[in-house]
Structure formats: structure tokens, C-alpha cells
Protein backbone atom coordinates (compact mmCIF):
# COMPACT_ATOMS: atom_id res chain seq x y z
CA GLY A 1 11.73 5.98 8.03
CA GLY A 2 11.11 2.60 6.56
CA ALA A 3 13.60 0.87 8.61
CA ALA A 4 12.40 2.51 11.79
CA GLY A 5 8.88 1.26 11.13
CA ALA A 6 9.99 -2.17 10.11
CA PHE A 7 12.22 -3.03 13.11
CA PRO A 8 9.32 -3.77 15.66
CA PRO A 9 8.87 -7.44 14.43
CA MET A 10 12.57 -8.08 14.56
CA ILE A 11 12.73 -6.54 18.02
CA GLY A 12 9.77 -8.68 19.15
CA TRP A 13 11.20 -11.80 17.71
CA ALA A 14 14.61 -11.19 19.34
CA ALA A 15 12.90 -10.43 22.65
CA ALA A 16 10.60 -13.63 22.41
CA THR A 17 13.23 -15.93 21.24
CA GLY A 18 16.67 -14.49 22.02
CA THR A 19 17.81 -14.78 18.39
CA LEU A 20 17.24 -13.21 15.11
CA SER A 21 16.22 -15.43 12.21
CA LEU A 22 15.15 -15.56 8.57
CA GLU A 23 11.47 -15.07 9.78
CA SER A 24 12.13 -11.96 11.58
CA VAL A 25 14.21 -10.54 8.72
CA LEU A 26 11.35 -11.38 6.40
CA MET A 27 8.90 -9.65 8.64
CA PHE A 28 11.19 -6.61 8.61
CA GLY A 29 11.47 -6.85 4.74
CA LEU A 30 7.72 -7.10 4.40
CA ILE A 31 7.30 -3.73 6.12
CA PHE A 32 10.49 -2.10 4.64
CA LEU A 33 9.58 -2.90 1.09
CA TRP A 34 5.98 -2.06 1.47
CA THR A 35 6.59 1.42 2.80
CA PRO A 36 7.81 3.10 -0.36
CA PRO A 37 5.03 1.99 -2.86
CA HIS A 38 2.51 2.81 -0.07
CA PHE A 39 3.70 6.33 0.46
CA TRP A 40 4.65 7.09 -3.24
CA ALA A 41 0.99 6.07 -4.31
CA LEU A 42 -0.14 8.65 -1.74
CA ALA A 43 2.41 11.29 -2.94
CA LEU A 44 1.34 10.92 -6.61
CA PHE A 45 -2.13 12.25 -5.82
CA MET A 46 -0.89 14.59 -3.01
CA ARG A 47 2.15 15.97 -4.70
CA GLY A 48 0.91 19.61 -4.50
CA ASP A 49 0.93 19.29 -0.61
CA TYR A 50 4.31 17.88 -0.38
CA ASP A 51 5.60 20.45 -2.84
CA THR A 52 3.98 23.24 -0.81
CA ALA A 53 5.39 21.86 2.47
CA GLY A 54 8.79 21.33 0.98
CA VAL A 55 8.82 17.68 1.72
CA PRO A 56 11.39 15.98 -0.57
CA MET A 57 9.17 13.04 -1.66
CA LEU A 58 10.35 11.21 -4.68
CA THR A 59 7.49 13.02 -6.68
CA VAL A 60 8.96 16.29 -5.89
CA THR A 61 12.65 15.43 -6.27
CA HIS A 62 12.30 13.28 -9.29
CA GLY A 63 8.84 13.69 -10.71
CA ARG A 64 5.83 11.50 -11.02
CA ARG A 65 7.17 9.38 -14.04
CA SER A 66 10.11 8.24 -12.00
CA THR A 67 7.85 7.63 -8.89
CA ARG A 68 5.67 5.29 -11.12
CA ARG A 69 8.75 3.27 -12.28
CA HIS A 70 9.89 3.00 -8.51
CA ILE A 71 6.38 1.84 -7.40
CA LEU A 72 6.50 -0.90 -9.92
CA GLY A 73 10.15 -1.97 -9.08
CA TYR A 74 9.51 -2.03 -5.32
CA THR A 75 6.29 -3.93 -5.65
CA LEU A 76 7.97 -6.61 -7.82
CA VAL A 77 10.61 -7.17 -5.04
CA LEU A 78 8.01 -7.06 -2.41
CA ALA A 79 5.83 -9.58 -4.01
CA ALA A 80 8.64 -12.08 -4.44
CA MET A 81 9.74 -11.73 -0.84
CA ALA A 82 6.23 -11.78 0.49
CA VAL A 83 5.32 -14.86 -1.32
CA GLY A 84 8.55 -16.57 -0.58
CA ALA A 85 7.94 -16.10 3.15
CA ALA A 86 5.07 -18.55 2.82
CA PHE A 87 7.60 -21.31 2.74
CA THR A 88 9.38 -20.38 5.99
CA GLY A 89 8.49 -21.03 9.59
CA ILE A 90 6.08 -17.96 9.63
CA GLY A 91 4.23 -19.24 6.52
CA GLY A 92 1.83 -21.97 5.50
CA PRO A 93 -1.13 -22.58 3.29
CA VAL A 94 -3.13 -19.73 4.83
CA TYR A 95 -0.27 -17.28 4.51
CA LEU A 96 0.36 -18.35 0.97
CA ALA A 97 -3.18 -17.87 -0.12
CA VAL A 98 -3.35 -14.29 1.30
CA ALA A 99 0.08 -13.40 0.02
CA LEU A 100 -0.74 -14.59 -3.52
CA VAL A 101 -4.17 -12.77 -3.62
CA PHE A 102 -2.77 -9.43 -2.11
CA ASN A 103 0.41 -9.45 -3.99
CA LEU A 104 -1.28 -10.03 -7.45
CA LEU A 105 -3.78 -7.14 -6.43
CA PHE A 106 -0.83 -4.83 -5.49
CA LEU A 107 1.05 -5.77 -8.68
CA ARG A 108 -2.01 -5.25 -10.86
CA ASP A 109 -2.24 -1.68 -9.36
CA ALA A 110 1.56 -1.12 -9.66
CA VAL A 111 1.38 -1.89 -13.27
CA ALA A 112 -1.65 0.14 -13.84
CA ILE A 113 0.17 3.15 -12.15
CA TRP A 114 3.38 2.55 -14.23
CA LYS A 115 1.31 2.57 -17.54
CA ARG A 116 -0.40 5.92 -16.79
CA ASP A 117 0.75 9.41 -17.80
CA GLU A 118 -0.16 12.72 -16.09
CA GLU A 119 -2.92 13.57 -18.14
CA MET A 120 -4.71 10.21 -17.60
CA ALA A 121 -4.05 10.43 -13.84
CA GLU A 122 -5.28 14.02 -13.64
CA ALA A 123 -8.38 13.46 -15.72
CA ASP A 124 -9.79 10.74 -13.37
CA ASN A 125 -8.38 12.51 -10.20
CA PHE A 126 -5.76 10.00 -9.65
CA LYS A 127 -8.18 6.97 -9.35
CA VAL A 128 -5.80 4.22 -9.91
CA GLU A 129 -3.12 5.77 -7.51
CA ARG A 130 -5.87 6.19 -4.81
CA HIS A 131 -7.04 2.64 -5.18
CA ALA A 132 -3.45 1.36 -4.81
CA PHE A 133 -2.94 3.48 -1.69
CA LYS A 134 -6.20 2.15 -0.22
CA LEU A 135 -5.21 -1.44 -1.09
CA SER A 136 -1.83 -0.93 0.60
CA LEU A 137 -3.48 -0.08 3.83
CA TRP A 138 -5.00 -3.58 3.79
CA TYR A 139 -1.99 -5.20 2.44
CA LEU A 140 0.05 -5.33 5.72
CA PHE A 141 -2.88 -6.06 7.98
CA ALA A 142 -3.69 -9.05 5.71
CA HIS A 143 -0.29 -10.47 5.73
CA PHE A 144 0.37 -10.09 9.44
CA SER A 145 -3.08 -11.55 10.18
CA ALA A 146 -2.17 -14.60 8.00
CA ILE A 147 1.17 -14.94 9.93
CA LEU A 148 -0.86 -14.91 13.23
CA ALA A 149 -3.46 -17.34 11.79
CA GLU A 150 -0.55 -19.68 10.89
CA ALA A 151 0.91 -19.48 14.40
CA MET A 152 -2.46 -20.06 16.04
CA LEU A 153 -3.01 -23.07 13.75
CA SER A 154 0.25 -24.40 14.37
CA GLY A 155 -0.34 -24.17 18.15
CA PHE A 156 -3.26 -26.63 17.37
CA GLY A 157 -1.10 -28.87 15.10
CA LEU A 158 -2.78 -27.54 11.96
CA GLY A 159 -0.62 -24.85 10.56
CA GLY A 160 2.51 -24.58 8.41
CA TRP A 161 3.57 -27.09 5.92
CA SER A 162 4.15 -30.07 8.23
């Protein structure tokens, strides 16, 4: 599912330019790597629903502890890739600022999730996991808005690193 949701920027790039490029692969990677921590944060506090429905989410197949480790691992890779994109043709200072802020926030939440045990999480009704999920909703919007801002600024000769 992650790849299916991540292909539209690559398809759009190919349609507009006739080629694939590092930038289109990075936009694919942004969505692809974001998808697991986004849905796993949701699955941590909705596990009962996934269990009841028989949906084989990581929380059901491998447990919450494993899910917490996976969230941190994917978020570390995502942050490196997302910040690195700032130094390509789709990036620039606006994108870099957005990427640094949102990736630091997402990493903060991923580390907080990783440190928690089930008693802590259940005691506060999965507050940290819910926060991470809500932040993840803004994460992609912010990154792609920054990519759009860089494109608009470059059209006026103001964007990018040139």
C-alpha cells in the first residue's frame, strides 16, 4: 500500500518532464517512508479494532514493542532522506527549514513512543502515540507545501540554492 500511495509524484514528474529523476524518487521516498510510522502510530492506539477485524497490522502480528522499534527505525531513515532532499532540485532554504522542524518533531515523538511501555501508554490513553499520529497528518502537507513554495520562488528567481 505504501508504494501505491507514493507513486503519484513520480508519475506526475514523468508526465511533466518525460523522465524520472532523483527528485521524483525522493518525493516517492518521502511518502513511502512516512506511511509506516504514520499508520503504526494509529495502530498502537487502535490495536483492538485491528485485532477484532483481523487486519494483520504490525501491532497484531508482532506486538506493540516491536511496532515501537519499527516506528523509530523508519522515522530515522525518513528524517535523513527528507532533510537530504533539501539539497536537490526540489529543495532550498524554505524546504530545509520545514524539513528540519517537522523531522525534529517527528523524531521527538518516535523516540518518546520507543521509550514507552504498555502500562505507560494505557495509563494516559496513548497520548504520545495520538500526538505522533496527528503530527504525521501535517508532516506530508508541510513537506509538499515547502516543495511547492520552492518551485514558486524559483519561478520568480528566488528559490533554491542558486
